[in-house]
Amino acid sequence: MNKHEEYLKNKEIKKKILREELRELKEETEYSSKKQSSSLVGWTLREIGQRVEMIELQLDGINLQTPHLQRSGLLAKLCGMYESSSFVLLSSPSGSGKTSLLNLFAARMDIGCIYISCLDEEETLSDLLKPHGIDLKNETVTDDRPRVIMLDSAQKTYGEKEDWTILIKNLSRSIPQTKFIIAASHSLEGDHDTPVEFDSFPTLGRRDFLLIDKDATQLLTSNNGLGLPNHLQFASLVSCITSECNGLIATLRLAITTIEIAYIEKNPTESELLQFYLSRRMTQVMARCFGSAHKKVPDHLKCHLISCLNGPCDMPNEKDEYLILLQKCGILVTNGTKFDYSSPLARRYFFRWLFPIRYINNPSTIKELIIKAIEHMSASFLKQCTPSNDFPKEAVFQQLLLQGFAKNTKPDCVICPELSKRFPPFETDPNREIDFYLNGSLRWGIQLHIKGRGVGEHLERFTPHDKYAPLDVSDYAVVDFRVNETGECTNVQRHAKRISVFFKKGDFSSCKCIFGEDHDDVELKLSN
C-alpha cells in the first residue's frame, strides 16, 4: 500500500468514526432526518495546476464548494505574514479554525500548497517531509520551487526538537522558494514545549482566530446552511450562544449541529431550546474543543479556580503546570496579572472537574436548597473575606452559594452563574447583580443581592415578558444578605419569592432568615 492509499484509508476510518458518533447522537434525540450533518466538512489539496479529490475530515476544515465563513480579515493577516517570512505559526487551542484558514489560504494564493497532517504518530517530521525533497536525517534537499508546505497539528512533532532545528536553521536556507505555515494546538497528554526557534516566527494566536460577536451572530442566523434552521433562531438563544462561546468557532459549530440534530423536525419553544442549550448534554459535546482527559484539580488551585467562576482572579503561581495546561487547551486565559475562563461555556464545561462529587438527589424546593447552601457556607471564610467594619462582597457569597448548590444537586443539574450577562438587553449594572440558573429537572432561577440593593426591581425579572421570561423557570428566588448590630430580622417588605438573610455584625457563625411571606424567621448554623 503506497502512502496516498494509506492516507485515504486513514481518512475513511475517521469518516466512519464520525458517522458512528453522529448516528448515536441522532438516535439519542430520535432524529430521523436524512440531512447530512454540517460536522462533515471538506479539504481540498492543491499543487500547481493539479486538484485532488475532496477528502472529508473529522470536524476540521471547510468545504469551499459549500457556504462557509470567509474570514477575510484573518486571511489578510496570514497573507501578509506569508509575504514577509519563510515560516508562519498558527498557534491556538483546538477548534479555533486553523485548518479552515489553511484551506482558505490555499484557495486564495496562486501558489502550490502541500497539506501535511502530523496526526499519524508513526510518522516523524522527517518521514513527512522526505517525499517533498527535504531529508532531515541526511540534511539534504533535492527540491525547491515556489510552494507552501502546511504542517497541520504540528504539536505532535514538537518532541523532535533536533529535526526542527535542522529544518529551520540549516535546510531552510537551501530552499528559499519553499515557505512553511505551521498550525499547532495543544492536547492534554504527551505535550512538548514549542521549539524555541518558533519564537521568532510571525504568529496568529488565539485572539486572532476568535469571531467578534457581530460575526458570531451572523453565523448563527445565516440561512445558507451554516446557521441554525430559521425556525430555531430565537433572539434569546442566539444572544446566549454568542455570549457563551465568546468567538470560538468550533463551539459555535457544535452548538448549531447539536441543536439542529435534536430539533430540525420539531417545533420547540424558545424556553425548550434555551434549556437544551444550557443542559449537560451541550457541555458533553464540547470535549472536541476543551479536551476530556483533564486530571484532578490540584488542592492548592481548587479554591482559586472555583473563585474564578465569578470572574478574573489571582492565582498562587502563574507558572503552575496545571494552569499552563488549562491555558493551552483553551479553558483559561490570562491578561498577565489575572486569570479567567476563556468563555462562559468553558466555565460550564470545566465545572465537573471542580465539583466531581455531587449529590444523589435534588432538593424538592428552592427553600430547601438555600437552607442547605447557607449551612454549607464557611463562617471562617466569610470572616476572612470581611474588610474591617464592613460586609463581604457579593462575589464572596456567590462563590459560597455556588459550592453549596453543587454539593446539594445532582450531576445533571447544570449551574449557570451570572446568566444575566447573556440575556438581552445587555445592561450595565454598577452593582453587578449575580444570577444563578439551575437547569436539568429543576429550572430554578436564583438572584443574589447584598444589603437590599435593587431587590424590588429584580423580583420582577423572572415574571412573564421580562428579562428572564424565555427561561420559563419553574420557580425563582431573590436572596438578600444583610447585616446589622443584633443579627435580628428587621421589618423588610415580604414577598413570596424573597429570602432575607441577616447576620450579626462581625459574627458569621449563624444567621436568621425570612423565607417568602412566612411570619416566623429561621435560624441557621453555618459550618466552620
Protein backbone atom coordinates (compact mmCIF):
# COMPACT_ATOMS: atom_id res chain seq x y z
CA MET A 1 0.00 0.00 0.00
CA ASN A 2 1.54 3.35 -1.03
CA LYS A 3 1.37 6.48 1.10
CA HIS A 4 -1.55 8.01 -0.79
CA GLU A 5 -3.65 4.85 -0.43
CA GLU A 6 -2.77 4.67 3.25
CA TYR A 7 -3.71 8.33 3.67
CA LEU A 8 -7.12 7.75 2.07
CA LYS A 9 -7.65 4.67 4.23
CA ASN A 10 -6.97 6.64 7.41
CA LYS A 11 -9.37 9.37 6.31
CA GLU A 12 -12.05 6.77 5.60
CA ILE A 13 -11.61 5.38 9.11
CA LYS A 14 -12.05 8.87 10.56
CA LYS A 15 -15.18 9.39 8.48
CA LYS A 16 -16.66 6.13 9.78
CA ILE A 17 -15.92 7.11 13.38
CA LEU A 18 -17.63 10.45 12.91
CA ARG A 19 -20.62 8.87 11.21
CA GLU A 20 -21.00 6.47 14.13
CA GLU A 21 -20.81 9.32 16.64
CA LEU A 22 -23.44 11.26 14.72
CA ARG A 23 -25.63 8.16 14.42
CA GLU A 24 -25.57 7.69 18.19
CA LEU A 25 -26.31 11.36 18.73
CA LYS A 26 -29.25 11.20 16.33
CA GLU A 27 -30.66 8.07 18.00
CA GLU A 28 -30.46 9.69 21.42
CA THR A 29 -32.60 12.58 20.22
CA GLU A 30 -34.89 10.46 17.99
CA TYR A 31 -33.81 12.42 14.96
CA SER A 32 -34.68 10.75 11.70
CA SER A 33 -33.78 13.41 9.16
CA LYS A 34 -31.53 12.32 6.30
CA LYS A 35 -29.86 15.73 6.12
CA GLN A 36 -26.10 15.36 6.28
CA SER A 37 -24.57 16.92 9.36
CA SER A 38 -22.51 20.06 8.89
CA SER A 39 -19.89 18.38 11.07
CA LEU A 40 -18.63 16.67 7.90
CA VAL A 41 -16.58 19.21 6.07
CA GLY A 42 -14.03 19.08 3.32
CA TRP A 43 -10.47 19.92 2.50
CA THR A 44 -9.04 20.42 -0.95
CA LEU A 45 -5.35 19.80 -1.55
CA ARG A 46 -3.79 21.78 -4.36
CA GLU A 47 -0.44 21.52 -6.08
CA ILE A 48 0.44 23.76 -9.04
CA GLY A 49 -2.05 23.03 -11.81
CA GLN A 50 -3.43 20.00 -10.01
CA ARG A 51 -6.54 19.40 -7.92
CA VAL A 52 -7.03 16.21 -5.98
CA GLU A 53 -10.27 14.72 -4.73
CA MET A 54 -12.18 16.14 -1.78
CA ILE A 55 -11.25 14.45 1.47
CA GLU A 56 -13.64 14.73 4.41
CA LEU A 57 -12.10 15.48 7.78
CA GLN A 58 -13.48 14.95 11.25
CA LEU A 59 -14.75 18.34 12.41
CA ASP A 60 -11.80 20.11 10.77
CA GLY A 61 -11.54 22.42 7.79
CA ILE A 62 -14.25 23.67 5.45
CA ASN A 63 -15.71 22.69 2.12
CA LEU A 64 -15.13 25.54 -0.31
CA GLN A 65 -17.86 24.16 -2.57
CA THR A 66 -20.49 24.94 0.07
CA PRO A 67 -21.30 28.11 2.04
CA HIS A 68 -18.55 28.93 4.54
CA LEU A 69 -17.12 31.78 6.57
CA GLN A 70 -14.76 33.90 4.50
CA ARG A 71 -12.59 35.06 7.45
CA SER A 72 -11.33 37.88 5.21
CA GLY A 73 -9.54 39.85 7.92
CA LEU A 74 -7.80 36.80 9.35
CA LEU A 75 -6.83 35.59 5.88
CA ALA A 76 -5.37 39.00 5.04
CA LYS A 77 -3.20 38.85 8.17
CA LEU A 78 -1.90 35.41 7.21
CA CYS A 79 -1.14 36.51 3.65
CA GLY A 80 0.81 39.49 4.95
CA MET A 81 2.87 37.29 7.26
CA TYR A 82 3.49 34.79 4.46
CA GLU A 83 4.87 37.52 2.22
CA SER A 84 7.41 38.64 4.83
CA SER A 85 8.62 35.37 6.35
CA SER A 86 9.62 31.82 5.39
CA PHE A 87 7.82 30.46 8.46
CA VAL A 88 4.42 31.45 9.88
CA LEU A 89 2.95 29.93 13.04
CA LEU A 90 -0.75 29.43 13.72
CA SER A 91 -0.91 28.69 17.44
CA SER A 92 -4.27 28.46 19.17
CA PRO A 93 -6.42 25.93 21.06
CA SER A 94 -8.27 23.15 19.29
CA GLY A 95 -11.33 24.23 17.34
CA SER A 96 -10.12 27.75 16.56
CA GLY A 97 -10.30 27.35 12.79
CA LYS A 98 -6.65 26.80 11.88
CA THR A 99 -7.31 24.04 9.33
CA SER A 100 -10.07 26.11 7.74
CA LEU A 101 -7.69 29.03 7.43
CA LEU A 102 -5.15 26.81 5.66
CA ASN A 103 -7.88 25.80 3.25
CA LEU A 104 -8.84 29.41 2.57
CA PHE A 105 -5.20 30.36 2.08
CA ALA A 106 -4.67 27.56 -0.45
CA ALA A 107 -7.70 28.73 -2.43
CA ARG A 108 -6.66 32.37 -2.30
CA MET A 109 -2.97 32.17 -3.23
CA ASP A 110 -1.69 31.41 -6.71
CA ILE A 111 0.97 29.01 -5.48
CA GLY A 112 1.25 25.28 -4.84
CA CYS A 113 0.08 24.36 -1.34
CA ILE A 114 1.03 21.00 0.15
CA TYR A 115 -1.08 19.99 3.14
CA ILE A 116 0.56 17.58 5.61
CA SER A 117 -1.22 16.27 8.70
CA CYS A 118 1.09 15.39 11.58
CA LEU A 119 -1.52 13.35 13.45
CA ASP A 120 -0.09 9.96 12.47
CA GLU A 121 2.08 9.07 15.47
CA GLU A 122 4.00 6.50 13.42
CA GLU A 123 5.37 9.17 11.07
CA THR A 124 8.07 11.57 12.18
CA LEU A 125 8.64 15.07 10.88
CA SER A 126 11.45 13.63 8.78
CA ASP A 127 9.11 10.99 7.30
CA LEU A 128 6.54 13.64 6.42
CA LEU A 129 8.95 16.00 4.67
CA LYS A 130 11.12 13.47 2.82
CA PRO A 131 8.59 12.84 -0.03
CA HIS A 132 8.81 16.58 -0.74
CA GLY A 133 12.56 16.66 -1.21
CA ILE A 134 13.54 17.61 2.33
CA ASP A 135 15.71 14.97 4.02
CA LEU A 136 16.23 15.91 7.66
CA LYS A 137 18.25 12.81 8.55
CA ASN A 138 20.88 13.42 5.89
CA GLU A 139 20.40 17.20 5.99
CA THR A 140 19.93 17.44 2.23
CA VAL A 141 17.32 18.93 -0.10
CA THR A 142 16.51 17.84 -3.65
CA ASP A 143 13.52 20.01 -4.48
CA ASP A 144 12.87 23.72 -4.24
CA ARG A 145 10.21 25.68 -6.08
CA PRO A 146 7.56 28.26 -5.23
CA ARG A 147 5.35 26.34 -2.80
CA VAL A 148 3.90 26.42 0.70
CA ILE A 149 4.19 23.38 2.94
CA MET A 150 1.40 23.38 5.53
CA LEU A 151 2.14 21.31 8.62
CA ASP A 152 -1.15 20.84 10.47
CA SER A 153 -1.34 19.54 14.07
CA ALA A 154 2.39 20.15 14.23
CA GLN A 155 2.37 19.91 18.03
CA LYS A 156 2.53 16.14 17.56
CA THR A 157 6.11 16.55 16.32
CA TYR A 158 7.32 19.05 18.92
CA GLY A 159 9.32 16.32 20.65
CA GLU A 160 11.57 16.07 17.59
CA LYS A 161 13.46 19.22 18.52
CA GLU A 162 16.67 18.31 16.70
CA ASP A 163 14.81 17.84 13.41
CA TRP A 164 13.05 21.18 13.82
CA THR A 165 16.40 22.86 14.43
CA ILE A 166 17.86 21.26 11.30
CA LEU A 167 14.89 22.39 9.21
CA ILE A 168 14.73 25.96 10.49
CA LYS A 169 18.38 26.85 11.00
CA ASN A 170 20.07 24.77 8.32
CA LEU A 171 17.97 23.45 5.45
CA SER A 172 15.56 26.37 5.03
CA ARG A 173 18.45 28.42 3.63
CA SER A 174 18.83 25.88 0.83
CA ILE A 175 15.17 26.09 -0.21
CA PRO A 176 14.46 29.84 -0.36
CA GLN A 177 11.41 29.35 -2.61
CA THR A 178 9.73 27.00 -0.12
CA LYS A 179 7.72 28.51 2.71
CA PHE A 180 6.08 26.86 5.70
CA ILE A 181 2.84 27.50 7.59
CA ILE A 182 2.82 25.60 10.87
CA ALA A 183 -0.55 25.05 12.58
CA ALA A 184 -0.47 23.77 16.14
CA SER A 185 -2.78 23.36 19.10
CA HIS A 186 -2.27 21.57 22.39
CA SER A 187 -3.59 18.28 23.69
CA LEU A 188 -3.86 17.22 27.32
CA GLU A 189 -1.50 14.30 27.04
CA GLY A 190 2.05 13.93 25.78
CA ASP A 191 2.65 17.60 25.09
CA HIS A 192 6.07 19.04 24.44
CA ASP A 193 7.07 22.67 24.66
CA THR A 194 7.08 24.69 21.48
CA PRO A 195 10.54 24.61 19.86
CA VAL A 196 12.48 27.73 20.82
CA GLU A 197 13.13 28.51 17.15
CA PHE A 198 9.41 29.30 16.78
CA ASP A 199 9.76 32.39 18.99
CA SER A 200 10.94 34.48 16.04
CA PHE A 201 8.08 33.47 13.70
CA PRO A 202 5.21 35.85 12.93
CA THR A 203 2.27 34.26 14.72
CA LEU A 204 -1.50 34.22 14.65
CA GLY A 205 -2.69 33.34 18.15
CA ARG A 206 -5.90 32.57 19.99
CA ARG A 207 -7.29 36.11 19.92
CA ASP A 208 -6.72 36.41 16.18
CA PHE A 209 -8.96 33.42 15.49
CA LEU A 210 -11.91 34.49 17.65
CA LEU A 211 -15.03 35.77 15.93
CA ILE A 212 -16.39 39.09 17.13
CA ASP A 213 -19.96 38.99 18.46
CA LYS A 214 -21.36 40.51 15.27
CA ASP A 215 -19.81 37.78 13.10
CA ALA A 216 -20.87 35.02 15.51
CA THR A 217 -24.45 36.31 15.43
CA GLN A 218 -24.37 36.43 11.63
CA LEU A 219 -23.15 32.82 11.57
CA LEU A 220 -25.92 31.64 13.90
CA THR A 221 -28.64 33.45 11.94
CA SER A 222 -27.41 32.80 8.41
CA ASN A 223 -29.92 30.96 6.25
CA ASN A 224 -27.44 29.38 3.84
CA GLY A 225 -26.97 26.11 5.69
CA LEU A 226 -24.33 27.38 8.10
CA GLY A 227 -26.56 28.74 10.83
CA LEU A 228 -29.43 27.49 12.92
CA PRO A 229 -32.53 26.48 10.99
CA ASN A 230 -34.78 29.51 10.61
CA HIS A 231 -37.47 28.25 12.99
CA LEU A 232 -34.86 27.85 15.76
CA GLN A 233 -33.36 31.35 15.52
CA PHE A 234 -34.87 32.84 18.68
CA ALA A 235 -33.19 36.09 19.71
CA SER A 236 -32.53 34.97 23.27
CA LEU A 237 -30.96 31.68 22.09
CA VAL A 238 -28.73 33.42 19.54
CA SER A 239 -27.68 36.00 22.12
CA CYS A 240 -26.95 33.34 24.73
CA ILE A 241 -24.89 31.14 22.38
CA THR A 242 -22.95 34.14 21.05
CA SER A 243 -22.00 35.27 24.54
CA GLU A 244 -21.29 31.78 25.86
CA CYS A 245 -18.99 30.74 23.01
CA ASN A 246 -17.06 34.03 23.06
CA GLY A 247 -15.96 33.73 19.46
CA LEU A 248 -14.55 30.18 19.39
CA ILE A 249 -15.69 28.92 16.00
CA ALA A 250 -15.84 25.19 16.84
CA THR A 251 -18.11 25.73 19.84
CA LEU A 252 -20.50 27.72 17.65
CA ARG A 253 -20.48 24.98 15.02
CA LEU A 254 -21.02 22.23 17.58
CA ALA A 255 -23.87 24.16 19.19
CA ILE A 256 -25.55 24.63 15.80
CA THR A 257 -25.11 20.97 14.82
CA THR A 258 -26.25 19.57 18.17
CA ILE A 259 -29.36 21.76 18.28
CA GLU A 260 -30.15 21.01 14.64
CA ILE A 261 -29.91 17.26 15.14
CA ALA A 262 -32.21 17.42 18.15
CA TYR A 263 -34.86 19.79 16.77
CA ILE A 264 -34.73 20.03 12.97
CA GLU A 265 -38.04 18.16 12.62
CA LYS A 266 -39.63 19.61 15.74
CA ASN A 267 -41.10 22.97 16.67
CA PRO A 268 -39.66 23.65 20.13
CA THR A 269 -40.49 26.70 22.17
CA GLU A 270 -37.91 29.34 22.97
CA SER A 271 -37.60 28.09 26.54
CA GLU A 272 -37.16 24.45 25.43
CA LEU A 273 -34.23 25.46 23.23
CA LEU A 274 -32.61 27.50 25.98
CA GLN A 275 -33.00 24.66 28.45
CA PHE A 276 -31.43 22.28 25.94
CA TYR A 277 -28.52 24.62 25.21
CA LEU A 278 -27.85 25.18 28.91
CA SER A 279 -28.02 21.45 29.66
CA ARG A 280 -25.33 18.94 30.47
CA ARG A 281 -25.83 17.41 27.03
CA MET A 282 -24.43 20.53 25.37
CA THR A 283 -21.32 20.67 27.53
CA GLN A 284 -20.61 17.00 26.87
CA VAL A 285 -20.24 17.55 23.11
CA MET A 286 -17.69 20.31 23.74
CA ALA A 287 -14.89 17.86 24.59
CA ARG A 288 -13.73 18.39 21.00
CA CYS A 289 -12.85 21.98 21.93
CA PHE A 290 -11.72 21.79 25.55
CA GLY A 291 -10.42 18.23 25.97
CA SER A 292 -11.76 15.39 28.09
CA ALA A 293 -8.60 13.98 29.70
CA HIS A 294 -8.23 16.62 32.41
CA LYS A 295 -6.51 15.45 35.55
CA LYS A 296 -7.86 16.01 39.04
CA VAL A 297 -7.70 19.67 40.05
CA PRO A 298 -4.79 20.11 42.50
CA ASP A 299 -5.88 21.06 46.01
CA HIS A 300 -3.74 24.20 46.01
CA LEU A 301 -5.61 25.53 42.95
CA LYS A 302 -9.16 24.34 43.55
CA CYS A 303 -10.34 27.28 45.65
CA HIS A 304 -8.83 29.75 43.19
CA LEU A 305 -10.38 28.07 40.15
CA ILE A 306 -13.77 27.99 41.86
CA SER A 307 -13.41 31.67 42.73
CA CYS A 308 -12.55 32.30 39.09
CA LEU A 309 -16.06 31.11 38.17
CA ASN A 310 -17.22 34.53 39.37
CA GLY A 311 -14.72 36.48 37.28
CA PRO A 312 -11.00 37.24 36.91
CA CYS A 313 -8.85 36.38 39.92
CA ASP A 314 -5.27 35.96 41.05
CA MET A 315 -3.52 32.59 41.08
CA PRO A 316 -0.84 31.49 43.57
CA ASN A 317 1.68 30.66 40.86
CA GLU A 318 1.11 31.74 37.27
CA LYS A 319 3.74 29.24 36.08
CA ASP A 320 1.95 26.30 37.68
CA GLU A 321 1.98 23.36 35.25
CA TYR A 322 -1.76 22.72 35.66
CA LEU A 323 -2.63 26.35 34.90
CA ILE A 324 -0.41 26.33 31.83
CA LEU A 325 -2.16 23.18 30.60
CA LEU A 326 -5.60 24.78 31.05
CA GLN A 327 -4.44 27.75 29.01
CA LYS A 328 -3.06 25.54 26.25
CA CYS A 329 -6.36 23.71 25.83
CA GLY A 330 -8.33 26.96 25.77
CA ILE A 331 -10.10 26.80 29.13
CA LEU A 332 -8.19 29.55 30.93
CA VAL A 333 -6.81 32.86 29.70
CA THR A 334 -4.67 35.46 31.42
CA ASN A 335 -4.02 39.14 30.86
CA GLY A 336 -0.67 38.90 32.59
CA THR A 337 -1.97 39.71 36.06
CA LYS A 338 -5.23 37.80 36.50
CA PHE A 339 -6.74 34.55 35.22
CA ASP A 340 -10.23 33.98 33.88
CA TYR A 341 -12.14 31.31 32.00
CA SER A 342 -11.96 31.85 28.25
CA SER A 343 -15.74 31.86 27.93
CA PRO A 344 -18.89 31.13 29.94
CA LEU A 345 -19.10 27.84 28.04
CA ALA A 346 -15.56 26.90 29.10
CA ARG A 347 -16.56 27.72 32.67
CA ARG A 348 -19.61 25.49 32.40
CA TYR A 349 -17.58 22.73 30.77
CA PHE A 350 -14.89 22.65 33.45
CA PHE A 351 -17.44 22.71 36.29
CA ARG A 352 -17.49 18.91 36.61
CA TRP A 353 -13.75 18.82 37.32
CA LEU A 354 -14.17 21.43 40.04
CA PHE A 355 -17.08 19.51 41.57
CA PRO A 356 -16.57 15.85 40.67
CA ILE A 357 -18.78 14.65 43.54
CA ARG A 358 -22.37 15.89 43.52
CA TYR A 359 -25.43 14.78 45.50
CA ILE A 360 -27.59 11.76 44.68
CA ASN A 361 -30.86 13.73 44.80
CA ASN A 362 -32.03 17.25 44.07
CA PRO A 363 -33.77 19.29 46.77
CA SER A 364 -37.54 19.43 46.43
CA THR A 365 -37.85 23.22 46.86
CA ILE A 366 -35.74 26.35 46.48
CA LYS A 367 -36.15 26.93 50.21
CA GLU A 368 -34.56 23.54 50.93
CA LEU A 369 -31.69 24.30 48.54
CA ILE A 370 -30.98 27.73 50.06
CA ILE A 371 -31.04 26.32 53.60
CA LYS A 372 -28.55 23.59 52.68
CA ALA A 373 -26.33 26.04 50.79
CA ILE A 374 -26.22 28.51 53.69
CA GLU A 375 -25.48 25.75 56.20
CA HIS A 376 -22.65 24.65 53.91
CA MET A 377 -21.10 28.15 53.98
CA SER A 378 -17.83 28.57 55.85
CA ALA A 379 -18.13 31.09 58.69
CA SER A 380 -14.35 31.42 58.92
CA PHE A 381 -14.07 32.12 55.18
CA LEU A 382 -16.72 34.85 55.43
CA LYS A 383 -14.86 36.35 58.38
CA GLN A 384 -11.58 36.21 56.49
CA CYS A 385 -13.14 37.97 53.49
CA THR A 386 -14.72 40.76 55.54
CA PRO A 387 -12.99 44.15 55.49
CA SER A 388 -12.80 45.94 58.84
CA ASN A 389 -16.27 47.09 59.98
CA ASP A 390 -17.81 46.01 56.70
CA PHE A 391 -19.57 43.11 54.99
CA PRO A 392 -18.28 40.55 52.45
CA LYS A 393 -18.61 41.44 48.79
CA GLU A 394 -21.22 39.85 46.55
CA ALA A 395 -18.60 37.68 44.86
CA VAL A 396 -17.78 36.01 48.19
CA PHE A 397 -21.39 34.99 48.78
CA GLN A 398 -21.66 33.94 45.15
CA GLN A 399 -18.69 31.61 45.48
CA LEU A 400 -20.02 30.03 48.68
CA LEU A 401 -23.56 29.66 47.36
CA LEU A 402 -22.22 28.09 44.18
CA GLN A 403 -20.32 25.49 46.19
CA GLY A 404 -23.40 24.83 48.29
CA PHE A 405 -25.58 24.40 45.22
CA ALA A 406 -23.06 22.00 43.65
CA LYS A 407 -22.83 19.88 46.80
CA ASN A 408 -26.61 19.56 47.07
CA THR A 409 -27.72 18.89 43.49
CA LYS A 410 -27.34 16.00 41.05
CA PRO A 411 -24.65 15.93 38.33
CA ASP A 412 -27.22 16.58 35.58
CA CYS A 413 -28.20 19.86 37.24
CA VAL A 414 -26.11 22.40 35.31
CA ILE A 415 -25.44 25.52 37.39
CA CYS A 416 -25.01 28.68 35.31
CA PRO A 417 -23.67 31.69 37.23
CA GLU A 418 -24.08 35.27 36.01
CA LEU A 419 -26.66 34.35 33.42
CA SER A 420 -27.89 37.96 33.37
CA LYS A 421 -24.91 38.92 31.20
CA ARG A 422 -26.03 36.55 28.46
CA PHE A 423 -29.57 37.82 28.05
CA PRO A 424 -30.78 40.82 26.08
CA PRO A 425 -30.99 43.63 26.70
CA PHE A 426 -27.33 43.78 27.72
CA GLU A 427 -27.50 46.17 30.62
CA THR A 428 -24.69 47.78 32.56
CA ASP A 429 -25.39 47.43 36.25
CA PRO A 430 -22.85 49.06 38.59
CA ASN A 431 -23.92 46.66 41.34
CA ARG A 432 -23.24 43.64 39.10
CA GLU A 433 -26.26 41.63 40.17
CA ILE A 434 -25.44 37.94 40.40
CA ASP A 435 -27.66 35.31 38.88
CA PHE A 436 -27.82 31.55 39.03
CA TYR A 437 -29.78 29.32 36.75
CA LEU A 438 -30.10 25.68 37.81
CA ASN A 439 -31.09 23.62 34.79
CA GLY A 440 -31.93 19.93 34.46
CA SER A 441 -35.17 18.90 36.08
CA LEU A 442 -35.21 21.96 38.39
CA ARG A 443 -35.19 25.02 36.12
CA TRP A 444 -34.76 27.39 39.03
CA GLY A 445 -33.60 30.97 38.87
CA ILE A 446 -31.79 32.47 41.86
CA GLN A 447 -30.57 36.04 42.20
CA LEU A 448 -28.25 37.28 44.93
CA HIS A 449 -28.14 40.76 46.49
CA ILE A 450 -26.31 42.48 49.29
CA LYS A 451 -28.00 44.84 51.76
CA GLY A 452 -31.23 45.01 49.79
CA ARG A 453 -29.93 46.90 46.77
CA GLY A 454 -32.37 46.56 43.87
CA VAL A 455 -34.36 43.68 45.36
CA GLY A 456 -37.74 45.02 44.29
CA GLU A 457 -36.62 45.53 40.70
CA HIS A 458 -35.13 42.09 40.38
CA LEU A 459 -38.11 40.31 41.86
CA GLU A 460 -39.82 41.22 38.60
CA ARG A 461 -37.07 39.96 36.30
CA PHE A 462 -38.47 36.41 36.17
CA THR A 463 -42.08 37.42 35.53
CA PRO A 464 -43.72 36.92 32.10
CA HIS A 465 -42.48 39.35 29.40
CA ASP A 466 -39.50 40.47 31.50
CA LYS A 467 -35.78 39.81 31.16
CA TYR A 468 -35.67 36.11 32.08
CA ALA A 469 -39.08 35.13 30.73
CA PRO A 470 -37.55 32.99 27.92
CA LEU A 471 -36.13 30.63 30.56
CA ASP A 472 -39.65 29.77 31.71
CA VAL A 473 -38.33 28.96 35.18
CA SER A 474 -40.41 26.64 37.33
CA ASP A 475 -39.52 28.68 40.42
CA TYR A 476 -37.23 31.52 41.43
CA ALA A 477 -35.98 33.43 44.44
CA VAL A 478 -34.09 36.62 45.22
CA VAL A 479 -31.71 36.10 48.16
CA ASP A 480 -30.83 39.25 50.09
CA PHE A 481 -27.88 39.08 52.52
CA ARG A 482 -27.92 41.77 55.22
CA VAL A 483 -26.03 42.77 58.37
CA ASN A 484 -26.95 44.73 61.50
CA GLU A 485 -25.78 45.18 65.08
CA THR A 486 -28.04 42.50 66.58
CA GLY A 487 -28.42 39.91 63.83
CA GLU A 488 -32.19 40.00 64.32
CA CYS A 489 -34.62 40.16 61.42
CA THR A 490 -35.84 43.66 60.66
CA ASN A 491 -39.13 44.69 59.14
CA VAL A 492 -38.28 44.13 55.47
CA GLN A 493 -41.02 44.02 52.87
CA ARG A 494 -42.04 40.40 52.45
CA HIS A 495 -42.53 38.78 49.09
CA ALA A 496 -43.27 35.17 48.17
CA LYS A 497 -40.03 34.95 46.17
CA ARG A 498 -37.78 36.92 48.54
CA ILE A 499 -35.39 35.33 51.04
CA SER A 500 -33.81 37.74 53.54
CA VAL A 501 -30.71 36.58 55.45
CA PHE A 502 -29.50 38.55 58.50
CA PHE A 503 -26.04 38.34 60.08
CA LYS A 504 -24.86 39.97 63.27
CA LYS A 505 -22.04 42.39 62.54
CA GLY A 506 -18.72 40.57 62.86
CA ASP A 507 -20.35 37.18 63.56
CA PHE A 508 -20.90 34.62 60.79
CA SER A 509 -21.44 31.55 62.93
CA SER A 510 -25.20 31.76 62.38
CA CYS A 511 -27.86 33.80 60.63
CA LYS A 512 -31.61 34.34 60.73
CA CYS A 513 -33.72 34.05 57.61
CA ILE A 514 -37.14 35.14 56.44
CA PHE A 515 -38.45 32.85 53.70
CA GLY A 516 -41.08 34.40 51.48
CA GLU A 517 -44.14 35.56 53.36
CA ASP A 518 -43.54 33.33 56.40
CA HIS A 519 -44.21 35.09 59.70
CA ASP A 520 -41.54 33.21 61.66
CA ASP A 521 -37.84 33.51 60.97
CA VAL A 522 -35.49 30.51 60.74
CA GLU A 523 -32.09 30.37 62.44
CA LEU A 524 -29.34 28.54 60.55
CA LYS A 525 -25.88 27.47 61.73
CA LEU A 526 -23.00 27.84 59.28
CA SER A 527 -20.13 25.39 59.03
CA ASN A 528 -16.73 26.28 60.44
